[in-house]
Amino acid sequence: MKFIVSSSQLLKQLQHIAGVINANTVLPILEDFLFEVEKNKLNVVATDLETVMRVQLDIEAKDSGKVCIPARILIDSLKNIPDQPLTFNIDKNFAVEITSDNGKYKVMGENPDNFPKEPTADDTTSFTMTASALITAINKTLFAVSNDDLRPAMTGVYFELNNDYVQFVATDAHRLVRYKRTDVKAPKADSFIVPRKPLNLLKAALPDNQDEITINYNSNHLFVKHGTTQMSCRLIDARFPDYKVVIPADNPYKMTVGKGDFQSALRRVNVFSNKSTNQVVLNISGSELQLAAQDVDFSFEGNERMKCQYDGEDLAIAFNARFLIEMLNAADSDEVRMELATPTKAGIIKPTEMDEEEELLMLVMPLMLNQ
């Protein structure tokens, strides 16, 4: 089998899907890309058994065939080859010879029959959304996903589908993010949990524009297609916790504060906090917010004052500053509103301004004040 392909085009497409491949995999074949050549088209597939990504690009080829090529050496070599046509020659023993303008490189490929089969998109339900809407939903929720493998349901983003909207929810039991879009509608009420890794890969592979993306899912897998890029992944088979019960219905105290100033103050004060808790105490009274952190073990202490608009009784409440900083990143408005109640009740953060079709609610659990 022989084909000719642009080195820069090939590298660009391979980098889209290389993130699927795990560095220390049990099956050596999973360290390879599967190359499928047919009618001047090259399909390249990468998988880790849970997630599969596939890209397609135009090539010159007279015949068709398949081969598995080790991913790392191929990408490392392409990074160092200037843009030019490359000729790939594959013999019957799957030895691969790559010829450039002034070089010849050889690598041993593997039998493509040993490459894992992709899941088939049977009995799927589909809905569409724009690429930028999906990227925004991922960016606003992924940071709150749990790393705790003992609670698998929390290690992904919960997609909650409805005829009128789609919601994306993530929680790690200390904080929760719910992002709702009313410009995305699903054919029926449904829900599933998508793991963190494929969402990260999608975020990198999709363009942040208004291209329409079709999302298909069945009971086990999610399938996403955009142009010449396709991804499928296994869904998390677990029950997402009933997150609605933890969202307080009415937190009476409302504080509005400049997002950038608040975030900067948190970063400065957090330097002096206990590194295991990142605890920062917010003392709110009148139109003043005081931030205080200390690490008793090292006699570190940091305090700052800033202006805020506050409607409620004087309150001292402690939070994990790192959580607050990450949550403020997800709010796109210049100001944010915190809805609070007591020092032991969850606080809610919302942007003060959002597009009509969007709604973002973030919840964070307080820390005990006497630590």
Protein backbone atom coordinates (compact mmCIF):
# COMPACT_ATOMS: atom_id res chain seq x y z
CA MET A 1 0.00 0.00 0.00
CA LYS A 2 1.24 3.48 -0.86
CA PHE A 3 -0.14 6.98 -0.32
CA ILE A 4 1.03 10.61 -0.39
CA VAL A 5 -0.03 13.12 2.27
CA SER A 6 0.86 16.67 3.33
CA SER A 7 3.14 16.52 6.41
CA SER A 8 1.61 19.60 8.08
CA GLN A 9 -1.98 18.46 7.44
CA LEU A 10 -1.23 15.04 8.84
CA LEU A 11 0.44 16.45 11.94
CA LYS A 12 -2.43 18.84 12.60
CA GLN A 13 -5.04 16.07 12.41
CA LEU A 14 -2.98 13.63 14.48
CA GLN A 15 -2.55 16.23 17.23
CA HIS A 16 -6.35 16.53 17.42
CA ILE A 17 -6.68 12.89 18.42
CA ALA A 18 -3.33 12.07 20.06
CA GLY A 19 -4.70 13.03 23.48
CA VAL A 20 -6.79 9.86 23.51
CA ILE A 21 -3.69 7.67 23.73
CA ASN A 22 -2.56 6.81 27.25
CA ALA A 23 1.17 6.78 27.96
CA ASN A 24 1.23 3.59 30.01
CA THR A 25 -1.28 1.29 28.40
CA VAL A 26 -1.62 -2.45 28.99
CA LEU A 27 -2.15 -3.27 25.29
CA PRO A 28 0.76 -2.14 23.07
CA ILE A 29 -1.59 -1.72 20.07
CA LEU A 30 -3.32 1.13 21.95
CA GLU A 31 -0.10 3.15 21.52
CA ASP A 32 -0.75 3.16 17.76
CA PHE A 33 -2.84 5.12 15.32
CA LEU A 34 -4.95 3.03 12.97
CA PHE A 35 -4.53 4.28 9.39
CA GLU A 36 -7.33 3.33 6.96
CA VAL A 37 -6.81 4.29 3.30
CA GLU A 38 -9.69 4.26 0.83
CA LYS A 39 -10.39 6.27 -2.35
CA ASN A 40 -8.00 9.18 -1.74
CA LYS A 41 -9.19 9.49 1.85
CA LEU A 42 -7.21 8.66 4.96
CA ASN A 43 -9.04 7.91 8.21
CA VAL A 44 -6.93 7.88 11.35
CA VAL A 45 -8.28 6.38 14.57
CA ALA A 46 -6.99 6.55 18.17
CA THR A 47 -8.54 4.80 21.17
CA ASP A 48 -7.98 3.95 24.84
CA LEU A 49 -10.88 1.42 24.78
CA GLU A 50 -13.17 3.95 26.52
CA THR A 51 -12.87 6.84 24.06
CA VAL A 52 -12.39 6.69 20.29
CA MET A 53 -11.44 9.63 18.07
CA ARG A 54 -11.33 9.56 14.29
CA VAL A 55 -10.23 12.17 11.74
CA GLN A 56 -10.30 12.15 7.96
CA LEU A 57 -8.06 13.92 5.47
CA ASP A 58 -7.47 13.99 1.72
CA ILE A 59 -4.50 12.10 0.30
CA GLU A 60 -3.26 10.68 -2.99
CA ALA A 61 -3.69 6.91 -3.09
CA LYS A 62 -4.22 4.30 -5.79
CA ASP A 63 -5.05 1.39 -3.51
CA SER A 64 -6.75 0.87 -0.17
CA GLY A 65 -5.57 -0.81 3.01
CA LYS A 66 -4.94 -0.52 6.73
CA VAL A 67 -1.96 -0.37 9.06
CA CYS A 68 -1.25 0.51 12.70
CA ILE A 69 1.62 2.99 13.21
CA PRO A 70 3.19 3.83 16.62
CA ALA A 71 1.84 7.25 17.58
CA ARG A 72 4.68 8.85 19.48
CA ILE A 73 7.47 8.32 16.93
CA LEU A 74 5.18 9.41 14.09
CA ILE A 75 4.18 12.67 15.77
CA ASP A 76 7.74 13.40 16.96
CA SER A 77 9.07 12.96 13.43
CA LEU A 78 6.30 15.04 11.80
CA LYS A 79 6.98 17.93 14.20
CA ASN A 80 10.47 18.19 12.77
CA ILE A 81 9.64 17.81 9.08
CA PRO A 82 8.87 21.07 7.22
CA ASP A 83 5.63 21.28 5.25
CA GLN A 84 5.96 18.98 2.21
CA PRO A 85 4.33 15.92 0.66
CA LEU A 86 5.31 12.65 2.36
CA THR A 87 5.10 9.26 0.68
CA PHE A 88 4.11 6.32 2.88
CA ASN A 89 4.97 2.82 1.65
CA ILE A 90 3.63 -0.12 3.64
CA ASP A 91 4.66 -3.68 2.79
CA LYS A 92 2.83 -6.91 3.56
CA ASN A 93 4.65 -7.27 6.92
CA PHE A 94 3.36 -3.80 7.96
CA ALA A 95 6.79 -2.20 7.74
CA VAL A 96 6.28 1.53 7.08
CA GLU A 97 8.70 3.58 5.01
CA ILE A 98 8.20 7.35 4.96
CA THR A 99 9.95 9.31 2.22
CA SER A 100 10.36 13.09 2.33
CA ASP A 101 12.18 15.48 -0.05
CA ASN A 102 15.55 14.59 1.40
CA GLY A 103 15.05 11.78 3.84
CA LYS A 104 13.81 8.26 4.37
CA TYR A 105 12.45 6.98 7.67
CA LYS A 106 11.43 3.47 8.65
CA VAL A 107 9.17 2.30 11.45
CA MET A 108 7.63 -1.09 12.15
CA GLY A 109 3.85 -1.00 12.01
CA GLU A 110 1.43 -3.57 13.41
CA ASN A 111 -1.38 -5.74 12.12
CA PRO A 112 -4.55 -3.60 11.94
CA ASP A 113 -6.74 -6.63 12.67
CA ASN A 114 -5.60 -6.43 16.30
CA PHE A 115 -6.86 -2.85 16.69
CA PRO A 116 -9.98 -2.64 18.91
CA LYS A 117 -13.32 -2.28 17.13
CA GLU A 118 -15.26 0.97 17.50
CA PRO A 119 -18.68 0.99 19.19
CA THR A 120 -21.57 1.11 16.76
CA ALA A 121 -24.11 3.91 16.94
CA ASP A 122 -27.22 1.73 17.33
CA ASP A 123 -30.57 2.93 18.72
CA THR A 124 -29.32 6.46 19.20
CA THR A 125 -31.19 9.63 20.06
CA SER A 126 -29.77 12.86 18.70
CA PHE A 127 -29.85 16.59 19.33
CA THR A 128 -27.85 19.49 17.92
CA MET A 129 -26.05 22.46 19.41
CA THR A 130 -23.41 24.90 18.24
CA ALA A 131 -19.75 24.14 18.79
CA SER A 132 -19.29 27.25 20.93
CA ALA A 133 -22.31 26.34 23.12
CA LEU A 134 -20.80 22.91 23.81
CA ILE A 135 -17.34 24.33 24.51
CA THR A 136 -18.85 26.93 26.87
CA ALA A 137 -20.83 24.22 28.69
CA ILE A 138 -17.68 22.13 29.12
CA ASN A 139 -15.60 25.10 30.32
CA LYS A 140 -18.22 26.15 32.86
CA THR A 141 -18.63 22.70 34.43
CA LEU A 142 -15.53 20.56 33.98
CA PHE A 143 -13.51 22.21 36.76
CA ALA A 144 -16.07 21.08 39.36
CA VAL A 145 -15.92 17.41 38.39
CA SER A 146 -14.68 15.06 41.13
CA ASN A 147 -11.38 13.14 40.97
CA ASP A 148 -12.69 10.53 43.40
CA ASP A 149 -12.87 7.20 41.52
CA LEU A 150 -14.78 5.71 44.45
CA ARG A 151 -17.70 7.93 43.42
CA PRO A 152 -17.76 7.31 39.65
CA ALA A 153 -21.02 9.23 39.07
CA MET A 154 -19.26 12.46 40.08
CA THR A 155 -16.23 11.94 37.80
CA GLY A 156 -18.11 13.26 34.76
CA VAL A 157 -20.52 15.98 33.66
CA TYR A 158 -24.22 15.17 33.96
CA PHE A 159 -26.19 16.04 30.80
CA GLU A 160 -29.83 16.63 31.68
CA LEU A 161 -31.97 16.81 28.55
CA ASN A 162 -35.42 18.28 28.15
CA ASN A 163 -37.78 19.46 25.40
CA ASP A 164 -37.17 23.09 26.38
CA TYR A 165 -33.53 23.16 27.50
CA VAL A 166 -30.39 21.16 28.23
CA GLN A 167 -28.57 21.40 31.58
CA PHE A 168 -24.99 20.47 32.38
CA VAL A 169 -24.21 19.70 36.02
CA ALA A 170 -20.94 18.88 37.78
CA THR A 171 -20.17 18.37 41.46
CA ASP A 172 -17.41 17.03 43.70
CA ALA A 173 -19.56 17.20 46.87
CA HIS A 174 -17.84 20.45 47.94
CA ARG A 175 -19.17 22.58 45.10
CA LEU A 176 -21.69 22.27 42.32
CA VAL A 177 -22.15 23.97 38.96
CA ARG A 178 -25.37 23.95 36.94
CA TYR A 179 -25.27 25.49 33.48
CA LYS A 180 -28.49 25.68 31.52
CA ARG A 181 -29.07 26.49 27.85
CA THR A 182 -32.52 27.19 26.51
CA ASP A 183 -31.32 27.42 22.89
CA VAL A 184 -30.57 23.67 22.91
CA LYS A 185 -33.53 21.33 22.90
CA ALA A 186 -33.65 17.55 23.07
CA PRO A 187 -36.37 15.30 21.58
CA LYS A 188 -37.16 13.76 25.00
CA ALA A 189 -36.37 14.06 28.68
CA ASP A 190 -33.24 12.03 29.31
CA SER A 191 -29.91 12.11 31.13
CA PHE A 192 -26.42 10.61 31.00
CA ILE A 193 -22.94 11.22 32.47
CA VAL A 194 -19.97 11.95 30.19
CA PRO A 195 -16.46 11.30 31.59
CA ARG A 196 -13.93 14.10 32.00
CA LYS A 197 -11.33 12.90 29.45
CA PRO A 198 -13.51 12.88 26.30
CA LEU A 199 -14.90 16.32 27.25
CA ASN A 200 -11.37 17.69 27.51
CA LEU A 201 -10.56 16.18 24.11
CA LEU A 202 -13.70 17.66 22.56
CA LYS A 203 -12.87 21.08 23.95
CA ALA A 204 -9.48 20.92 22.22
CA ALA A 205 -10.74 19.48 18.92
CA LEU A 206 -13.80 21.66 18.31
CA PRO A 207 -13.66 25.18 16.86
CA ASP A 208 -15.19 27.87 19.09
CA ASN A 209 -17.72 29.01 16.48
CA GLN A 210 -21.36 28.66 15.43
CA ASP A 211 -20.88 25.38 13.52
CA GLU A 212 -23.72 23.00 14.25
CA ILE A 213 -22.75 19.77 15.97
CA THR A 214 -24.85 16.63 16.12
CA ILE A 215 -24.68 14.71 19.38
CA ASN A 216 -25.97 11.13 19.38
CA TYR A 217 -26.26 8.89 22.40
CA ASN A 218 -27.59 5.50 23.40
CA SER A 219 -27.60 3.66 26.73
CA ASN A 220 -23.82 3.09 26.69
CA HIS A 221 -22.11 5.58 24.40
CA LEU A 222 -21.99 9.19 23.27
CA PHE A 223 -21.16 10.04 19.64
CA VAL A 224 -20.13 13.53 18.53
CA LYS A 225 -19.39 14.52 14.93
CA HIS A 226 -18.02 17.76 13.55
CA GLY A 227 -16.79 17.98 9.97
CA THR A 228 -14.08 15.37 9.50
CA THR A 229 -13.66 14.75 13.25
CA GLN A 230 -15.66 12.13 15.15
CA MET A 231 -15.55 11.06 18.75
CA SER A 232 -17.30 8.33 20.67
CA CYS A 233 -16.96 7.53 24.36
CA ARG A 234 -18.40 5.17 26.90
CA LEU A 235 -20.82 6.84 29.30
CA ILE A 236 -20.42 6.48 33.06
CA ASP A 237 -22.75 3.75 34.24
CA ALA A 238 -23.83 5.21 37.58
CA ARG A 239 -26.60 7.27 39.12
CA PHE A 240 -25.89 10.97 39.41
CA PRO A 241 -26.71 12.28 42.91
CA ASP A 242 -29.96 14.19 43.34
CA TYR A 243 -28.26 17.57 43.17
CA LYS A 244 -31.49 19.59 43.39
CA VAL A 245 -31.90 18.85 47.10
CA VAL A 246 -28.64 20.62 48.00
CA ILE A 247 -29.44 23.89 46.21
CA PRO A 248 -30.92 26.24 48.84
CA ALA A 249 -34.29 27.59 47.74
CA ASP A 250 -33.84 30.96 49.39
CA ASN A 251 -30.61 32.48 50.63
CA PRO A 252 -31.78 35.88 51.93
CA TYR A 253 -28.45 37.76 52.11
CA LYS A 254 -27.22 39.15 48.81
CA MET A 255 -23.74 40.49 48.13
CA THR A 256 -22.67 42.00 44.80
CA VAL A 257 -18.96 42.44 44.19
CA GLY A 258 -16.62 43.17 41.27
CA LYS A 259 -15.45 39.82 39.91
CA GLY A 260 -11.90 40.81 39.00
CA ASP A 261 -11.19 42.65 42.26
CA PHE A 262 -12.68 39.83 44.34
CA GLN A 263 -10.66 37.20 42.48
CA SER A 264 -7.41 39.16 42.83
CA ALA A 265 -8.00 39.71 46.55
CA LEU A 266 -8.72 36.00 47.05
CA ARG A 267 -5.49 35.08 45.24
CA ARG A 268 -3.42 37.45 47.40
CA VAL A 269 -4.98 36.44 50.72
CA ASN A 270 -4.96 32.72 49.87
CA VAL A 271 -1.14 32.79 49.82
CA PHE A 272 -1.31 33.05 53.62
CA SER A 273 -3.97 30.36 54.17
CA ASN A 274 -3.53 26.83 55.43
CA LYS A 275 -2.44 24.84 52.37
CA SER A 276 -4.65 21.84 53.17
CA THR A 277 -7.90 23.82 53.47
CA ASN A 278 -7.22 27.10 51.55
CA GLN A 279 -9.61 28.63 54.06
CA VAL A 280 -10.46 32.30 53.63
CA VAL A 281 -12.99 33.93 55.97
CA LEU A 282 -15.34 36.52 54.47
CA ASN A 283 -16.57 39.10 56.99
CA ILE A 284 -19.38 41.10 55.43
CA SER A 285 -20.94 44.13 57.03
CA GLY A 286 -22.56 47.16 55.46
CA SER A 287 -20.78 47.88 52.20
CA GLU A 288 -17.46 46.34 53.23
CA LEU A 289 -16.10 42.88 52.63
CA GLN A 290 -13.09 41.74 54.64
CA LEU A 291 -11.07 38.71 53.58
CA ALA A 292 -8.87 36.99 56.14
CA ALA A 293 -6.66 33.91 55.97
CA GLN A 294 -4.14 32.44 58.35
CA ASP A 295 -1.89 29.45 58.72
CA VAL A 296 -1.40 28.97 62.46
CA ASP A 297 1.41 26.42 62.00
CA PHE A 298 3.64 28.99 60.29
CA SER A 299 2.19 32.20 61.80
CA PHE A 300 1.13 33.40 58.35
CA GLU A 301 -1.71 35.89 58.12
CA GLY A 302 -3.32 37.89 55.32
CA ASN A 303 -6.16 40.45 55.44
CA GLU A 304 -7.78 42.68 52.82
CA ARG A 305 -10.73 45.01 52.66
CA MET A 306 -12.83 45.80 49.63
CA LYS A 307 -16.09 47.49 48.73
CA CYS A 308 -19.25 45.50 48.04
CA GLN A 309 -23.00 45.99 47.89
CA TYR A 310 -24.61 43.94 50.61
CA ASP A 311 -28.18 43.42 51.67
CA GLY A 312 -28.38 41.33 54.83
CA GLU A 313 -27.20 40.90 58.41
CA ASP A 314 -23.50 40.99 59.30
CA LEU A 315 -22.00 37.63 58.44
CA ALA A 316 -18.71 35.76 58.82
CA ILE A 317 -18.45 32.71 56.57
CA ALA A 318 -15.43 30.66 55.45
CA PHE A 319 -14.80 29.09 52.03
CA ASN A 320 -12.05 27.30 50.17
CA ALA A 321 -10.44 30.20 48.28
CA ARG A 322 -9.20 27.97 45.45
CA PHE A 323 -12.78 26.85 44.81
CA LEU A 324 -14.03 30.45 44.76
CA ILE A 325 -11.27 31.54 42.35
CA GLU A 326 -12.12 28.70 39.93
CA MET A 327 -15.83 29.41 40.13
CA LEU A 328 -15.33 33.11 39.46
CA ASN A 329 -13.42 32.10 36.28
CA ALA A 330 -16.64 30.52 35.00
CA ALA A 331 -18.63 33.75 35.43
CA ASP A 332 -18.30 36.02 32.40
CA SER A 333 -19.80 39.17 33.91
CA ASP A 334 -17.90 42.08 35.50
CA GLU A 335 -19.78 41.58 38.76
CA VAL A 336 -21.00 38.50 40.59
CA ARG A 337 -23.74 38.06 43.15
CA MET A 338 -23.30 35.82 46.18
CA GLU A 339 -26.44 34.60 47.92
CA LEU A 340 -25.76 33.60 51.51
CA ALA A 341 -27.69 32.60 54.64
CA THR A 342 -25.74 31.28 57.63
CA PRO A 343 -22.08 30.29 58.19
CA THR A 344 -23.01 26.62 57.76
CA LYS A 345 -25.28 26.85 54.71
CA ALA A 346 -24.13 26.59 51.10
CA GLY A 347 -23.43 29.84 49.30
CA ILE A 348 -24.59 30.48 45.75
CA ILE A 349 -22.64 32.46 43.14
CA LYS A 350 -24.25 33.83 39.98
CA PRO A 351 -23.01 36.23 37.31
CA THR A 352 -24.98 39.50 37.38
CA GLU A 353 -25.38 39.48 33.59
CA MET A 354 -25.88 36.58 31.21
CA ASP A 355 -27.15 36.02 27.68
CA GLU A 356 -30.87 35.29 27.49
CA GLU A 357 -30.39 31.64 26.54
CA GLU A 358 -27.93 30.94 29.36
CA GLU A 359 -28.26 30.41 33.09
CA LEU A 360 -25.36 29.67 35.44
CA LEU A 361 -25.67 28.71 39.10
CA MET A 362 -22.66 27.76 41.23
CA LEU A 363 -22.88 26.45 44.76
CA VAL A 364 -20.06 26.13 47.26
CA MET A 365 -20.13 24.51 50.69
CA PRO A 366 -18.68 26.61 53.55
CA LEU A 367 -15.81 25.46 55.79
CA MET A 368 -16.08 25.29 59.57
CA LEU A 369 -15.06 28.65 61.03
CA ASN A 370 -13.23 27.28 64.05
CA GLN A 371 -10.50 25.40 62.14
